[in-house]
Amino acid sequence: MVKCMLTILNNINIQDDELKYQFILAGGPGGQNVNKVATAVQLYFNVQTSPSLPEYIRARLLQIAGTRINKNGELIITARRYRSQERNRQDATERLVEWIVKASKISKPRKKRRLSVAKKQQRLDEKRKHSDKKKRRKSVRYSE
């Protein structure tokens, strides 16, 4: 038996036995097949117990996936874009790769910037002009 593996980036290889596919009925177009053939695919990948993921990617994937991860630590990806089971299976696998690549990229921390004194003054001047414009629009009340 030949074991297949999914290669992501240079250092991440996921074995086929780590991926679990479940086929479900998909709504939408499909003619008479839509109620008979389970073409939609749910891909289950256990993020918490996978030996293939480095620890920093595992932590980031758990953080960014949010509600797509169930209480067992499985990332669930549902693919129902296509009418064939095989294409939906490929789509789910490609989306898993995208998630892992996204988790592997570390975003730069945001640097706080101070507003220059001139910019601060300019903003306050604009606010004052706008306020004056609004005040001039108000009707003048005469006392009798």
N, C-alpha and C. Protein backbone atom coordinates (compact mmCIF):
# COMPACT_ATOMS: atom_id res chain seq x y z
N MET A 1 0.85 -1.18 0.00
CA MET A 1 0.00 0.00 0.00
C MET A 1 0.89 1.25 0.00
N VAL A 2 0.62 2.16 -0.91
CA VAL A 2 1.40 3.38 -1.04
C VAL A 2 0.72 4.47 -0.21
N LYS A 3 1.49 5.09 0.70
CA LYS A 3 0.95 6.18 1.50
C LYS A 3 1.14 7.48 0.76
N CYS A 4 0.08 8.22 0.63
CA CYS A 4 0.16 9.53 -0.01
C CYS A 4 0.30 10.58 1.07
N MET A 5 0.88 11.68 0.68
CA MET A 5 0.97 12.77 1.63
C MET A 5 0.77 14.10 0.92
N LEU A 6 0.28 15.02 1.67
CA LEU A 6 0.03 16.36 1.19
C LEU A 6 1.20 17.23 1.62
N THR A 7 1.90 17.82 0.66
CA THR A 7 3.07 18.64 0.97
C THR A 7 2.68 20.12 0.96
N ILE A 8 2.93 20.76 2.08
CA ILE A 8 2.63 22.18 2.23
C ILE A 8 3.92 22.85 2.64
N LEU A 9 4.31 23.87 1.91
CA LEU A 9 5.57 24.56 2.15
C LEU A 9 6.72 23.56 2.07
N ASN A 10 7.86 23.88 2.59
CA ASN A 10 9.01 22.98 2.50
C ASN A 10 9.06 21.98 3.64
N ASN A 11 8.60 22.38 4.80
CA ASN A 11 8.81 21.56 5.98
C ASN A 11 7.55 20.90 6.54
N ILE A 12 6.41 21.03 5.87
CA ILE A 12 5.16 20.46 6.38
C ILE A 12 4.63 19.43 5.40
N ASN A 13 4.55 18.20 5.87
CA ASN A 13 3.97 17.10 5.09
C ASN A 13 2.88 16.46 5.92
N ILE A 14 1.67 16.44 5.39
CA ILE A 14 0.54 15.86 6.11
C ILE A 14 0.21 14.51 5.49
N GLN A 15 0.19 13.47 6.32
CA GLN A 15 -0.14 12.12 5.86
C GLN A 15 -1.64 12.04 5.55
N ASP A 16 -2.01 11.17 4.62
CA ASP A 16 -3.41 11.00 4.25
C ASP A 16 -4.27 10.50 5.41
N ASP A 17 -3.69 9.72 6.31
CA ASP A 17 -4.49 9.19 7.41
C ASP A 17 -4.84 10.27 8.45
N GLU A 18 -4.25 11.46 8.33
CA GLU A 18 -4.61 12.58 9.22
C GLU A 18 -5.85 13.32 8.71
N LEU A 19 -6.19 13.12 7.45
CA LEU A 19 -7.34 13.80 6.85
C LEU A 19 -8.53 12.84 6.83
N LYS A 20 -9.67 13.33 7.26
CA LYS A 20 -10.87 12.51 7.26
C LYS A 20 -11.92 13.23 6.41
N TYR A 21 -12.46 12.54 5.42
CA TYR A 21 -13.46 13.12 4.53
C TYR A 21 -14.81 12.51 4.84
N GLN A 22 -15.83 13.35 4.85
CA GLN A 22 -17.20 12.88 5.01
C GLN A 22 -18.02 13.51 3.88
N PHE A 23 -18.80 12.69 3.20
CA PHE A 23 -19.58 13.17 2.06
C PHE A 23 -21.02 13.37 2.49
N ILE A 24 -21.57 14.55 2.16
CA ILE A 24 -22.92 14.91 2.58
C ILE A 24 -23.70 15.42 1.38
N LEU A 25 -25.02 15.45 1.50
CA LEU A 25 -25.86 15.97 0.43
C LEU A 25 -25.65 17.48 0.30
N ALA A 26 -25.58 17.94 -0.92
CA ALA A 26 -25.40 19.37 -1.17
C ALA A 26 -26.65 19.92 -1.83
N GLY A 27 -27.06 21.10 -1.43
CA GLY A 27 -28.18 21.76 -2.07
C GLY A 27 -27.73 22.44 -3.34
N GLY A 28 -28.62 23.17 -3.96
CA GLY A 28 -28.25 23.93 -5.15
C GLY A 28 -28.41 23.15 -6.43
N PRO A 29 -27.82 23.64 -7.52
CA PRO A 29 -28.01 23.00 -8.82
C PRO A 29 -27.37 21.61 -8.87
N GLY A 30 -27.95 20.75 -9.66
CA GLY A 30 -27.42 19.40 -9.78
C GLY A 30 -28.40 18.48 -10.46
N GLY A 31 -29.53 19.03 -10.83
CA GLY A 31 -30.52 18.20 -11.53
C GLY A 31 -31.09 17.13 -10.62
N GLN A 32 -31.36 15.97 -11.19
CA GLN A 32 -31.96 14.89 -10.42
C GLN A 32 -30.98 14.28 -9.42
N ASN A 33 -29.71 14.52 -9.62
CA ASN A 33 -28.70 13.96 -8.73
C ASN A 33 -28.67 14.62 -7.36
N VAL A 34 -29.21 15.83 -7.25
CA VAL A 34 -29.00 16.65 -6.06
C VAL A 34 -29.52 15.97 -4.79
N ASN A 35 -30.59 15.19 -4.88
CA ASN A 35 -31.13 14.55 -3.69
C ASN A 35 -30.68 13.10 -3.53
N LYS A 36 -29.89 12.60 -4.45
CA LYS A 36 -29.49 11.19 -4.41
C LYS A 36 -28.02 10.97 -4.13
N VAL A 37 -27.17 11.87 -4.60
CA VAL A 37 -25.73 11.66 -4.51
C VAL A 37 -25.13 12.67 -3.54
N ALA A 38 -24.32 12.18 -2.61
CA ALA A 38 -23.67 13.05 -1.64
C ALA A 38 -22.41 13.63 -2.28
N THR A 39 -22.53 14.84 -2.84
CA THR A 39 -21.39 15.44 -3.54
C THR A 39 -20.61 16.43 -2.68
N ALA A 40 -21.24 17.00 -1.67
CA ALA A 40 -20.52 17.95 -0.81
C ALA A 40 -19.56 17.18 0.10
N VAL A 41 -18.47 17.84 0.45
CA VAL A 41 -17.43 17.18 1.25
C VAL A 41 -17.15 18.00 2.50
N GLN A 42 -17.03 17.29 3.62
CA GLN A 42 -16.55 17.92 4.84
C GLN A 42 -15.20 17.28 5.15
N LEU A 43 -14.19 18.14 5.25
CA LEU A 43 -12.84 17.68 5.55
C LEU A 43 -12.56 17.96 7.02
N TYR A 44 -12.14 16.94 7.74
CA TYR A 44 -11.79 17.07 9.15
C TYR A 44 -10.28 16.89 9.28
N PHE A 45 -9.63 17.86 9.90
CA PHE A 45 -8.20 17.79 10.14
C PHE A 45 -7.96 18.17 11.60
N ASN A 46 -7.43 17.24 12.39
CA ASN A 46 -7.23 17.51 13.81
C ASN A 46 -5.95 18.33 13.99
N VAL A 47 -6.16 19.60 14.30
CA VAL A 47 -5.06 20.54 14.44
C VAL A 47 -4.28 20.27 15.73
N GLN A 48 -5.00 19.94 16.80
CA GLN A 48 -4.35 19.78 18.10
C GLN A 48 -3.43 18.56 18.18
N THR A 49 -3.81 17.46 17.50
CA THR A 49 -3.01 16.23 17.65
C THR A 49 -2.15 15.91 16.44
N SER A 50 -2.16 16.76 15.42
CA SER A 50 -1.40 16.47 14.22
C SER A 50 0.11 16.55 14.49
N PRO A 51 0.83 15.47 14.20
CA PRO A 51 2.29 15.50 14.40
C PRO A 51 3.01 16.27 13.28
N SER A 52 2.29 16.60 12.22
CA SER A 52 2.91 17.24 11.06
C SER A 52 3.11 18.74 11.23
N LEU A 53 2.33 19.36 12.13
CA LEU A 53 2.38 20.81 12.25
C LEU A 53 3.39 21.25 13.31
N PRO A 54 4.22 22.23 12.98
CA PRO A 54 5.08 22.84 14.01
C PRO A 54 4.21 23.58 15.04
N GLU A 55 4.73 23.73 16.22
CA GLU A 55 3.92 24.29 17.31
C GLU A 55 3.43 25.71 17.03
N TYR A 56 4.27 26.56 16.43
CA TYR A 56 3.83 27.95 16.18
C TYR A 56 2.72 28.01 15.14
N ILE A 57 2.72 27.11 14.15
CA ILE A 57 1.65 27.09 13.16
C ILE A 57 0.37 26.55 13.78
N ARG A 58 0.50 25.53 14.63
CA ARG A 58 -0.66 24.96 15.31
C ARG A 58 -1.37 26.03 16.15
N ALA A 59 -0.59 26.79 16.93
CA ALA A 59 -1.17 27.83 17.79
C ALA A 59 -1.85 28.91 16.96
N ARG A 60 -1.19 29.34 15.90
CA ARG A 60 -1.76 30.39 15.05
C ARG A 60 -3.00 29.90 14.32
N LEU A 61 -3.00 28.65 13.86
CA LEU A 61 -4.16 28.08 13.15
C LEU A 61 -5.35 27.98 14.10
N LEU A 62 -5.11 27.57 15.32
CA LEU A 62 -6.19 27.51 16.31
C LEU A 62 -6.76 28.90 16.58
N GLN A 63 -5.90 29.89 16.52
CA GLN A 63 -6.32 31.27 16.78
C GLN A 63 -7.13 31.84 15.62
N ILE A 64 -6.65 31.68 14.38
CA ILE A 64 -7.31 32.34 13.24
C ILE A 64 -8.51 31.57 12.70
N ALA A 65 -8.60 30.26 12.97
CA ALA A 65 -9.71 29.48 12.42
C ALA A 65 -11.01 29.73 13.18
N GLY A 66 -10.91 30.08 14.43
CA GLY A 66 -12.09 30.46 15.21
C GLY A 66 -13.14 29.37 15.30
N THR A 67 -14.35 29.66 14.79
CA THR A 67 -15.48 28.73 14.92
C THR A 67 -15.39 27.54 13.97
N ARG A 68 -14.43 27.54 13.07
CA ARG A 68 -14.28 26.39 12.17
C ARG A 68 -13.63 25.20 12.88
N ILE A 69 -13.16 25.43 14.10
CA ILE A 69 -12.56 24.35 14.89
C ILE A 69 -13.56 23.91 15.94
N ASN A 70 -13.83 22.59 15.99
CA ASN A 70 -14.79 22.09 16.97
C ASN A 70 -14.11 21.83 18.30
N LYS A 71 -14.89 21.34 19.28
CA LYS A 71 -14.34 21.14 20.63
C LYS A 71 -13.29 20.04 20.69
N ASN A 72 -13.22 19.17 19.67
CA ASN A 72 -12.21 18.12 19.62
C ASN A 72 -10.90 18.61 19.00
N GLY A 73 -10.87 19.88 18.58
CA GLY A 73 -9.66 20.44 17.98
C GLY A 73 -9.54 20.16 16.50
N GLU A 74 -10.66 19.79 15.86
CA GLU A 74 -10.64 19.48 14.43
C GLU A 74 -11.06 20.70 13.62
N LEU A 75 -10.30 21.00 12.60
CA LEU A 75 -10.65 22.05 11.65
C LEU A 75 -11.59 21.42 10.64
N ILE A 76 -12.78 22.00 10.47
CA ILE A 76 -13.78 21.45 9.56
C ILE A 76 -13.92 22.40 8.38
N ILE A 77 -13.68 21.86 7.18
CA ILE A 77 -13.83 22.64 5.95
C ILE A 77 -14.89 21.96 5.11
N THR A 78 -15.94 22.71 4.75
CA THR A 78 -17.02 22.17 3.93
C THR A 78 -16.89 22.73 2.53
N ALA A 79 -16.88 21.83 1.54
CA ALA A 79 -16.76 22.24 0.14
C ALA A 79 -17.96 21.71 -0.62
N ARG A 80 -18.71 22.61 -1.23
CA ARG A 80 -19.87 22.21 -2.03
C ARG A 80 -19.99 23.05 -3.29
N ARG A 81 -18.86 23.59 -3.72
CA ARG A 81 -18.81 24.49 -4.85
C ARG A 81 -19.13 23.78 -6.18
N TYR A 82 -18.71 22.54 -6.30
CA TYR A 82 -18.82 21.82 -7.57
C TYR A 82 -19.86 20.71 -7.49
N ARG A 83 -20.22 20.16 -8.63
CA ARG A 83 -21.23 19.11 -8.68
C ARG A 83 -20.65 17.72 -8.49
N SER A 84 -19.34 17.58 -8.61
CA SER A 84 -18.75 16.26 -8.46
C SER A 84 -18.05 16.13 -7.11
N GLN A 85 -18.10 14.93 -6.59
CA GLN A 85 -17.51 14.63 -5.30
C GLN A 85 -15.99 14.84 -5.31
N GLU A 86 -15.36 14.40 -6.38
CA GLU A 86 -13.90 14.49 -6.46
C GLU A 86 -13.41 15.93 -6.51
N ARG A 87 -14.11 16.78 -7.27
CA ARG A 87 -13.68 18.19 -7.35
C ARG A 87 -13.90 18.90 -6.02
N ASN A 88 -14.98 18.56 -5.31
CA ASN A 88 -15.21 19.14 -3.99
C ASN A 88 -14.15 18.67 -3.00
N ARG A 89 -13.71 17.43 -3.15
CA ARG A 89 -12.66 16.89 -2.29
C ARG A 89 -11.35 17.65 -2.53
N GLN A 90 -11.03 17.90 -3.80
CA GLN A 90 -9.83 18.67 -4.13
C GLN A 90 -9.93 20.10 -3.60
N ASP A 91 -11.13 20.68 -3.73
CA ASP A 91 -11.36 22.04 -3.26
C ASP A 91 -11.15 22.14 -1.75
N ALA A 92 -11.67 21.17 -1.00
CA ALA A 92 -11.51 21.17 0.45
C ALA A 92 -10.04 21.04 0.83
N THR A 93 -9.32 20.18 0.11
CA THR A 93 -7.89 19.99 0.39
C THR A 93 -7.10 21.27 0.09
N GLU A 94 -7.43 21.92 -1.02
CA GLU A 94 -6.75 23.18 -1.38
C GLU A 94 -7.01 24.25 -0.33
N ARG A 95 -8.24 24.29 0.19
CA ARG A 95 -8.56 25.28 1.20
C ARG A 95 -7.84 25.00 2.52
N LEU A 96 -7.62 23.72 2.83
CA LEU A 96 -6.83 23.37 4.01
C LEU A 96 -5.40 23.88 3.85
N VAL A 97 -4.85 23.69 2.65
CA VAL A 97 -3.50 24.18 2.37
C VAL A 97 -3.44 25.70 2.55
N GLU A 98 -4.46 26.41 2.04
CA GLU A 98 -4.51 27.86 2.18
C GLU A 98 -4.52 28.28 3.64
N TRP A 99 -5.30 27.56 4.47
CA TRP A 99 -5.38 27.88 5.90
C TRP A 99 -4.02 27.70 6.56
N ILE A 100 -3.34 26.62 6.23
CA ILE A 100 -2.05 26.35 6.86
C ILE A 100 -1.00 27.36 6.41
N VAL A 101 -1.02 27.72 5.12
CA VAL A 101 -0.09 28.73 4.61
C VAL A 101 -0.36 30.08 5.28
N LYS A 102 -1.65 30.40 5.43
CA LYS A 102 -2.03 31.66 6.09
C LYS A 102 -1.54 31.68 7.54
N ALA A 103 -1.65 30.52 8.22
CA ALA A 103 -1.21 30.44 9.61
C ALA A 103 0.31 30.51 9.73
N SER A 104 1.01 30.12 8.67
CA SER A 104 2.47 30.11 8.74
C SER A 104 3.07 31.50 8.55
N LYS A 105 2.30 32.42 7.97
CA LYS A 105 2.79 33.78 7.77
C LYS A 105 2.57 34.60 9.03
N ILE A 106 3.62 35.15 9.54
CA ILE A 106 3.53 35.94 10.76
C ILE A 106 3.41 37.40 10.37
N SER A 107 2.33 38.04 10.82
CA SER A 107 2.12 39.44 10.47
C SER A 107 2.98 40.33 11.35
N LYS A 108 3.39 41.44 10.79
CA LYS A 108 4.21 42.39 11.53
C LYS A 108 3.35 43.06 12.59
N PRO A 109 3.90 43.29 13.77
CA PRO A 109 3.13 44.00 14.79
C PRO A 109 2.96 45.46 14.39
N ARG A 110 1.82 46.01 14.73
CA ARG A 110 1.54 47.39 14.39
C ARG A 110 2.35 48.32 15.29
N LYS A 111 3.00 49.29 14.67
CA LYS A 111 3.78 50.26 15.43
C LYS A 111 2.93 51.49 15.69
N LYS A 112 2.90 51.92 16.92
CA LYS A 112 2.15 53.13 17.25
C LYS A 112 2.92 54.33 16.73
N ARG A 113 2.23 55.23 16.13
CA ARG A 113 2.84 56.46 15.62
C ARG A 113 2.25 57.65 16.36
N ARG A 114 3.10 58.63 16.62
CA ARG A 114 2.61 59.86 17.24
C ARG A 114 2.27 60.85 16.16
N LEU A 115 1.18 61.55 16.36
CA LEU A 115 0.76 62.60 15.44
C LEU A 115 1.65 63.81 15.66
N SER A 116 2.11 64.39 14.56
CA SER A 116 2.96 65.57 14.70
C SER A 116 2.11 66.74 15.21
N VAL A 117 2.77 67.71 15.81
CA VAL A 117 2.08 68.86 16.37
C VAL A 117 1.35 69.62 15.27
N ALA A 118 1.98 69.76 14.12
CA ALA A 118 1.37 70.49 13.00
C ALA A 118 0.10 69.78 12.52
N LYS A 119 0.15 68.45 12.42
CA LYS A 119 -1.03 67.69 11.96
C LYS A 119 -2.16 67.80 12.98
N LYS A 120 -1.79 67.76 14.26
CA LYS A 120 -2.80 67.88 15.31
C LYS A 120 -3.49 69.25 15.23
N GLN A 121 -2.69 70.28 15.04
CA GLN A 121 -3.23 71.64 14.93
C GLN A 121 -4.11 71.77 13.69
N GLN A 122 -3.68 71.18 12.59
CA GLN A 122 -4.46 71.22 11.35
C GLN A 122 -5.82 70.57 11.56
N ARG A 123 -5.85 69.42 12.26
CA ARG A 123 -7.11 68.73 12.51
C ARG A 123 -8.03 69.58 13.37
N LEU A 124 -7.47 70.23 14.39
CA LEU A 124 -8.28 71.08 15.27
C LEU A 124 -8.82 72.31 14.51
N ASP A 125 -8.00 72.87 13.63
CA ASP A 125 -8.45 74.01 12.81
C ASP A 125 -9.61 73.61 11.91
N GLU A 126 -9.49 72.43 11.29
CA GLU A 126 -10.57 71.94 10.42
C GLU A 126 -11.86 71.75 11.21
N LYS A 127 -11.74 71.20 12.41
CA LYS A 127 -12.91 71.01 13.26
C LYS A 127 -13.55 72.35 13.61
N ARG A 128 -12.70 73.35 13.92
CA ARG A 128 -13.21 74.66 14.28
C ARG A 128 -13.93 75.32 13.10
N LYS A 129 -13.36 75.20 11.90
CA LYS A 129 -13.99 75.76 10.70
C LYS A 129 -15.35 75.10 10.45
N HIS A 130 -15.38 73.81 10.62
CA HIS A 130 -16.63 73.06 10.39
C HIS A 130 -17.69 73.49 11.40
N SER A 131 -17.28 73.67 12.64
CA SER A 131 -18.19 74.10 13.70
C SER A 131 -18.73 75.49 13.40
N ASP A 132 -17.85 76.40 12.98
CA ASP A 132 -18.28 77.77 12.64
C ASP A 132 -19.28 77.76 11.49
N LYS A 133 -19.03 76.92 10.50
CA LYS A 133 -19.93 76.82 9.35
C LYS A 133 -21.33 76.39 9.82
N LYS A 134 -21.38 75.42 10.74
CA LYS A 134 -22.66 74.93 11.25
C LYS A 134 -23.36 76.03 12.05
N LYS A 135 -22.58 76.80 12.85
CA LYS A 135 -23.17 77.87 13.66
C LYS A 135 -23.80 78.96 12.80
N ARG A 136 -23.14 79.27 11.68
CA ARG A 136 -23.67 80.30 10.78
C ARG A 136 -24.97 79.88 10.12
N ARG A 137 -25.20 78.59 9.99
CA ARG A 137 -26.42 78.11 9.34
C ARG A 137 -27.64 78.23 10.25
N LYS A 138 -27.43 78.31 11.54
CA LYS A 138 -28.55 78.37 12.47
C LYS A 138 -29.28 79.68 12.28
N SER A 139 -30.60 79.59 12.48
CA SER A 139 -31.40 80.81 12.31
C SER A 139 -31.20 81.70 13.53
N VAL A 140 -31.32 83.01 13.31
CA VAL A 140 -31.13 83.98 14.37
C VAL A 140 -32.47 84.19 15.05
N ARG A 141 -32.49 84.11 16.36
CA ARG A 141 -33.75 84.31 17.10
C ARG A 141 -33.82 85.76 17.58
N TYR A 142 -34.95 86.36 17.34
CA TYR A 142 -35.17 87.72 17.81
C TYR A 142 -36.07 87.67 19.01
N SER A 143 -35.74 88.41 20.03
CA SER A 143 -36.62 88.45 21.21
C SER A 143 -37.60 89.60 21.03
N GLU A 144 -38.82 89.36 21.40
CA GLU A 144 -39.86 90.40 21.24
C GLU A 144 -40.24 91.02 22.53
